[in-house]
């Protein structure tokens, strides 16, 4: 009898493979803590990226408006669409579709934007517009011309100011 057990090795508690329930709970707890720290960081990075894209889009449109005004003031564009436009574009679409030139360039259309940029906050190409005659903080458009654009988002930026005031 004694010789039958000589060559066999009994499994000990330390040689088992796998994790105990306590070890699994600790591992999942650590994973949840790390995940809960990473999610807000990822959200703030996304928000920061959207804010940068908003600034870039606003600069692009505002530069196009200024360029349109410069061309109109120097007589490089055809006659203005209306008396109260003050040489600003009548609509944002007019800068995409193009405006007839004047003088030697009367046969061509001058375009100031390839397309209306996307507002990253509203995810649309629908911008708020102000005319030169409107109040600088107004949320309505008088319809005379396009003097400035703003985001229609009701949210606030990381600096606390509404995106519509950027």
C-alpha atoms as a PDB file:
ATOM      1  CA  UNK A   1       0.000   0.000   0.000  1.00  0.00           C
ATOM      2  CA  UNK A   2       2.659   2.427   0.859  1.00  0.00           C
ATOM      3  CA  UNK A   3       4.452   1.875  -2.420  1.00  0.00           C
ATOM      4  CA  UNK A   4       1.404   2.925  -4.497  1.00  0.00           C
ATOM      5  CA  UNK A   5       1.570   6.536  -3.306  1.00  0.00           C
ATOM      6  CA  UNK A   6       5.319   6.975  -3.758  1.00  0.00           C
ATOM      7  CA  UNK A   7       5.419   8.342  -7.344  1.00  0.00           C
ATOM      8  CA  UNK A   8       2.305  10.528  -7.201  1.00  0.00           C
ATOM      9  CA  UNK A   9       2.390  14.218  -6.446  1.00  0.00           C
ATOM     10  CA  UNK A  10      -0.600  15.632  -4.669  1.00  0.00           C
ATOM     11  CA  UNK A  11      -1.786  19.020  -5.928  1.00  0.00           C
ATOM     12  CA  UNK A  12      -1.208  21.706  -3.364  1.00  0.00           C
ATOM     13  CA  UNK A  13      -3.154  24.869  -2.936  1.00  0.00           C
ATOM     14  CA  UNK A  14      -0.382  26.981  -4.490  1.00  0.00           C
ATOM     15  CA  UNK A  15      -0.138  25.013  -7.707  1.00  0.00           C
ATOM     16  CA  UNK A  16      -3.760  25.698  -8.828  1.00  0.00           C
ATOM     17  CA  UNK A  17      -4.210  28.106 -11.707  1.00  0.00           C
ATOM     18  CA  UNK A  18      -6.739  30.939 -11.990  1.00  0.00           C
ATOM     19  CA  UNK A  19      -7.917  33.750  -9.754  1.00  0.00           C
ATOM     20  CA  UNK A  20     -10.031  33.747  -6.660  1.00  0.00           C
ATOM     21  CA  UNK A  21     -13.217  35.775  -6.406  1.00  0.00           C
ATOM     22  CA  UNK A  22     -11.514  38.356  -4.207  1.00  0.00           C
ATOM     23  CA  UNK A  23      -8.713  38.817  -6.733  1.00  0.00           C
ATOM     24  CA  UNK A  24     -11.265  39.292  -9.533  1.00  0.00           C
ATOM     25  CA  UNK A  25     -13.195  41.878  -7.528  1.00  0.00           C
ATOM     26  CA  UNK A  26      -9.995  43.816  -6.772  1.00  0.00           C
ATOM     27  CA  UNK A  27      -8.911  43.696 -10.428  1.00  0.00           C
ATOM     28  CA  UNK A  28     -12.322  44.913 -11.673  1.00  0.00           C
ATOM     29  CA  UNK A  29     -12.391  47.662  -9.047  1.00  0.00           C
ATOM     30  CA  UNK A  30      -9.015  48.942 -10.179  1.00  0.00           C
ATOM     31  CA  UNK A  31     -10.154  48.786 -13.803  1.00  0.00           C
ATOM     32  CA  UNK A  32     -13.342  50.740 -13.002  1.00  0.00           C
ATOM     33  CA  UNK A  33     -11.387  53.441 -11.148  1.00  0.00           C
ATOM     34  CA  UNK A  34      -8.983  53.868 -14.052  1.00  0.00           C
ATOM     35  CA  UNK A  35     -11.857  53.963 -16.555  1.00  0.00           C
ATOM     36  CA  UNK A  36     -13.787  56.515 -14.516  1.00  0.00           C
ATOM     37  CA  UNK A  37     -10.710  58.750 -14.577  1.00  0.00           C
ATOM     38  CA  UNK A  38     -10.156  58.352 -18.318  1.00  0.00           C
ATOM     39  CA  UNK A  39     -13.712  59.114 -19.525  1.00  0.00           C
ATOM     40  CA  UNK A  40     -13.836  62.762 -18.329  1.00  0.00           C
ATOM     41  CA  UNK A  41     -10.392  63.337 -19.780  1.00  0.00           C
ATOM     42  CA  UNK A  42     -11.506  61.992 -23.155  1.00  0.00           C
ATOM     43  CA  UNK A  43     -14.649  64.163 -23.058  1.00  0.00           C
ATOM     44  CA  UNK A  44     -12.645  67.294 -22.300  1.00  0.00           C
ATOM     45  CA  UNK A  45     -10.285  66.476 -25.171  1.00  0.00           C
ATOM     46  CA  UNK A  46     -13.236  66.119 -27.561  1.00  0.00           C
ATOM     47  CA  UNK A  47     -14.703  69.434 -26.335  1.00  0.00           C
ATOM     48  CA  UNK A  48     -11.343  71.172 -26.755  1.00  0.00           C
ATOM     49  CA  UNK A  49     -11.078  69.843 -30.311  1.00  0.00           C
ATOM     50  CA  UNK A  50     -14.603  71.072 -31.124  1.00  0.00           C
ATOM     51  CA  UNK A  51     -13.770  74.511 -29.722  1.00  0.00           C
ATOM     52  CA  UNK A  52     -10.644  74.710 -31.855  1.00  0.00           C
ATOM     53  CA  UNK A  53     -12.650  73.687 -34.933  1.00  0.00           C
ATOM     54  CA  UNK A  54     -15.264  76.345 -34.093  1.00  0.00           C
ATOM     55  CA  UNK A  55     -12.598  79.047 -33.878  1.00  0.00           C
ATOM     56  CA  UNK A  56     -11.111  77.937 -37.203  1.00  0.00           C
ATOM     57  CA  UNK A  57     -14.519  77.918 -38.914  1.00  0.00           C
ATOM     58  CA  UNK A  58     -15.371  81.373 -37.574  1.00  0.00           C
ATOM     59  CA  UNK A  59     -12.025  82.736 -38.767  1.00  0.00           C
ATOM     60  CA  UNK A  60     -12.568  81.184 -42.219  1.00  0.00           C
ATOM     61  CA  UNK A  61     -16.019  82.716 -42.670  1.00  0.00           C
ATOM     62  CA  UNK A  62     -15.037  86.087 -41.219  1.00  0.00           C
ATOM     63  CA  UNK A  63     -11.989  86.307 -43.499  1.00  0.00           C
ATOM     64  CA  UNK A  64     -14.221  85.518 -46.481  1.00  0.00           C
ATOM     65  CA  UNK A  65     -16.645  88.286 -45.444  1.00  0.00           C
ATOM     66  CA  UNK A  66     -13.749  90.739 -45.093  1.00  0.00           C
ATOM     67  CA  UNK A  67     -12.335  89.712 -48.472  1.00  0.00           C
ATOM     68  CA  UNK A  68     -15.771  90.175 -50.080  1.00  0.00           C
ATOM     69  CA  UNK A  69     -15.990  93.653 -48.511  1.00  0.00           C
ATOM     70  CA  UNK A  70     -12.493  94.563 -49.741  1.00  0.00           C
ATOM     71  CA  UNK A  71     -13.316  93.424 -53.290  1.00  0.00           C
ATOM     72  CA  UNK A  72     -16.618  95.316 -53.273  1.00  0.00           C
ATOM     73  CA  UNK A  73     -15.034  98.484 -51.860  1.00  0.00           C
ATOM     74  CA  UNK A  74     -12.327  98.440 -54.531  1.00  0.00           C
ATOM     75  CA  UNK A  75     -14.881  98.011 -57.332  1.00  0.00           C
ATOM     76  CA  UNK A  76     -13.817  94.483 -58.321  1.00  0.00           C
ATOM     77  CA  UNK A  77     -17.361  93.145 -57.955  1.00  0.00           C
ATOM     78  CA  UNK A  78     -20.470  93.997 -59.921  1.00  0.00           C
ATOM     79  CA  UNK A  79     -23.115  96.370 -58.577  1.00  0.00           C
ATOM     80  CA  UNK A  80     -24.279  95.662 -55.010  1.00  0.00           C
ATOM     81  CA  UNK A  81     -27.467  93.678 -54.450  1.00  0.00           C
ATOM     82  CA  UNK A  82     -29.086  96.425 -52.400  1.00  0.00           C
ATOM     83  CA  UNK A  83     -28.617  99.902 -51.040  1.00  0.00           C
ATOM     84  CA  UNK A  84     -28.225  98.880 -47.424  1.00  0.00           C
ATOM     85  CA  UNK A  85     -25.650  96.107 -47.945  1.00  0.00           C
ATOM     86  CA  UNK A  86     -22.707  98.505 -47.404  1.00  0.00           C
ATOM     87  CA  UNK A  87     -20.669  96.262 -49.737  1.00  0.00           C
ATOM     88  CA  UNK A  88     -21.112  93.200 -47.527  1.00  0.00           C
ATOM     89  CA  UNK A  89     -22.467  89.938 -48.988  1.00  0.00           C
ATOM     90  CA  UNK A  90     -26.236  89.601 -49.079  1.00  0.00           C
ATOM     91  CA  UNK A  91     -26.103  85.964 -47.830  1.00  0.00           C
ATOM     92  CA  UNK A  92     -23.523  83.346 -46.900  1.00  0.00           C
ATOM     93  CA  UNK A  93     -24.566  81.336 -49.949  1.00  0.00           C
ATOM     94  CA  UNK A  94     -23.577  84.247 -52.201  1.00  0.00           C
ATOM     95  CA  UNK A  95     -19.952  83.786 -51.141  1.00  0.00           C
ATOM     96  CA  UNK A  96     -20.114  80.097 -52.102  1.00  0.00           C
ATOM     97  CA  UNK A  97     -22.041  80.493 -55.357  1.00  0.00           C
ATOM     98  CA  UNK A  98     -19.901  83.419 -56.440  1.00  0.00           C
ATOM     99  CA  UNK A  99     -20.497  87.029 -57.410  1.00  0.00           C
ATOM    100  CA  UNK A 100     -20.039  88.561 -60.853  1.00  0.00           C
ATOM    101  CA  UNK A 101     -16.861  90.519 -61.159  1.00  0.00           C
ATOM    102  CA  UNK A 102     -16.562  94.022 -62.549  1.00  0.00           C
ATOM    103  CA  UNK A 103     -14.466  95.485 -65.358  1.00  0.00           C
ATOM    104  CA  UNK A 104     -12.195  92.911 -67.002  1.00  0.00           C
ATOM    105  CA  UNK A 105     -13.536  90.197 -64.698  1.00  0.00           C
ATOM    106  CA  UNK A 106     -17.201  90.852 -65.605  1.00  0.00           C
ATOM    107  CA  UNK A 107     -17.444  87.450 -67.332  1.00  0.00           C
ATOM    108  CA  UNK A 108     -16.323  85.492 -64.271  1.00  0.00           C
ATOM    109  CA  UNK A 109     -17.704  84.766 -60.858  1.00  0.00           C
ATOM    110  CA  UNK A 110     -15.580  85.473 -57.830  1.00  0.00           C
ATOM    111  CA  UNK A 111     -16.017  82.887 -55.060  1.00  0.00           C
ATOM    112  CA  UNK A 112     -14.969  83.536 -51.493  1.00  0.00           C
ATOM    113  CA  UNK A 113     -15.794  80.169 -49.876  1.00  0.00           C
ATOM    114  CA  UNK A 114     -15.696  76.636 -51.300  1.00  0.00           C
ATOM    115  CA  UNK A 115     -18.502  75.670 -48.962  1.00  0.00           C
ATOM    116  CA  UNK A 116     -20.003  76.954 -45.769  1.00  0.00           C
ATOM    117  CA  UNK A 117     -17.983  75.347 -42.972  1.00  0.00           C
ATOM    118  CA  UNK A 118     -19.558  72.970 -40.503  1.00  0.00           C
ATOM    119  CA  UNK A 119     -20.380  74.340 -37.056  1.00  0.00           C
ATOM    120  CA  UNK A 120     -18.846  71.637 -34.817  1.00  0.00           C
ATOM    121  CA  UNK A 121     -21.118  72.534 -31.906  1.00  0.00           C
ATOM    122  CA  UNK A 122     -24.419  72.131 -33.772  1.00  0.00           C
ATOM    123  CA  UNK A 123     -23.029  69.739 -36.425  1.00  0.00           C
ATOM    124  CA  UNK A 124     -24.726  71.746 -39.167  1.00  0.00           C
ATOM    125  CA  UNK A 125     -23.836  74.372 -41.730  1.00  0.00           C
ATOM    126  CA  UNK A 126     -26.548  76.649 -40.401  1.00  0.00           C
ATOM    127  CA  UNK A 127     -24.825  79.632 -38.796  1.00  0.00           C
ATOM    128  CA  UNK A 128     -26.367  82.556 -37.012  1.00  0.00           C
ATOM    129  CA  UNK A 129     -25.937  85.723 -39.062  1.00  0.00           C
ATOM    130  CA  UNK A 130     -25.810  89.396 -38.091  1.00  0.00           C
ATOM    131  CA  UNK A 131     -26.047  92.344 -40.435  1.00  0.00           C
ATOM    132  CA  UNK A 132     -24.145  95.577 -40.003  1.00  0.00           C
ATOM    133  CA  UNK A 133     -27.355  97.212 -38.793  1.00  0.00           C
ATOM    134  CA  UNK A 134     -28.012  94.555 -36.094  1.00  0.00           C
ATOM    135  CA  UNK A 135     -26.953  94.822 -32.471  1.00  0.00           C
ATOM    136  CA  UNK A 136     -23.580  93.054 -31.954  1.00  0.00           C
ATOM    137  CA  UNK A 137     -25.114  90.544 -29.515  1.00  0.00           C
ATOM    138  CA  UNK A 138     -28.436  90.063 -31.294  1.00  0.00           C
ATOM    139  CA  UNK A 139     -29.676  86.570 -32.060  1.00  0.00           C
ATOM    140  CA  UNK A 140     -31.830  87.752 -34.958  1.00  0.00           C
ATOM    141  CA  UNK A 141     -30.875  88.811 -38.444  1.00  0.00           C
ATOM    142  CA  UNK A 142     -32.207  91.957 -40.065  1.00  0.00           C
ATOM    143  CA  UNK A 143     -31.572  90.494 -43.523  1.00  0.00           C
ATOM    144  CA  UNK A 144     -29.772  93.489 -45.021  1.00  0.00           C
ATOM    145  CA  UNK A 145     -26.313  91.914 -45.329  1.00  0.00           C
ATOM    146  CA  UNK A 146     -23.887  89.454 -43.712  1.00  0.00           C
ATOM    147  CA  UNK A 147     -21.589  91.378 -41.414  1.00  0.00           C
ATOM    148  CA  UNK A 148     -20.787  88.597 -38.925  1.00  0.00           C
ATOM    149  CA  UNK A 149     -21.569  84.957 -38.102  1.00  0.00           C
ATOM    150  CA  UNK A 150     -21.940  83.083 -34.836  1.00  0.00           C
ATOM    151  CA  UNK A 151     -22.665  79.564 -33.635  1.00  0.00           C
ATOM    152  CA  UNK A 152     -26.298  78.774 -32.877  1.00  0.00           C
ATOM    153  CA  UNK A 153     -25.222  76.529 -30.011  1.00  0.00           C
ATOM    154  CA  UNK A 154     -26.719  77.416 -26.624  1.00  0.00           C
ATOM    155  CA  UNK A 155     -23.801  75.853 -24.740  1.00  0.00           C
ATOM    156  CA  UNK A 156     -20.930  77.663 -23.055  1.00  0.00           C
ATOM    157  CA  UNK A 157     -17.255  77.298 -23.845  1.00  0.00           C
ATOM    158  CA  UNK A 158     -14.562  76.133 -21.466  1.00  0.00           C
ATOM    159  CA  UNK A 159     -13.900  79.796 -20.620  1.00  0.00           C
ATOM    160  CA  UNK A 160     -17.546  80.296 -19.600  1.00  0.00           C
ATOM    161  CA  UNK A 161     -18.649  82.471 -22.526  1.00  0.00           C
ATOM    162  CA  UNK A 162     -21.484  81.295 -24.768  1.00  0.00           C
ATOM    163  CA  UNK A 163     -20.357  79.948 -28.131  1.00  0.00           C
ATOM    164  CA  UNK A 164     -22.720  82.435 -29.781  1.00  0.00           C
ATOM    165  CA  UNK A 165     -20.465  85.249 -28.536  1.00  0.00           C
ATOM    166  CA  UNK A 166     -17.204  83.904 -29.935  1.00  0.00           C
END
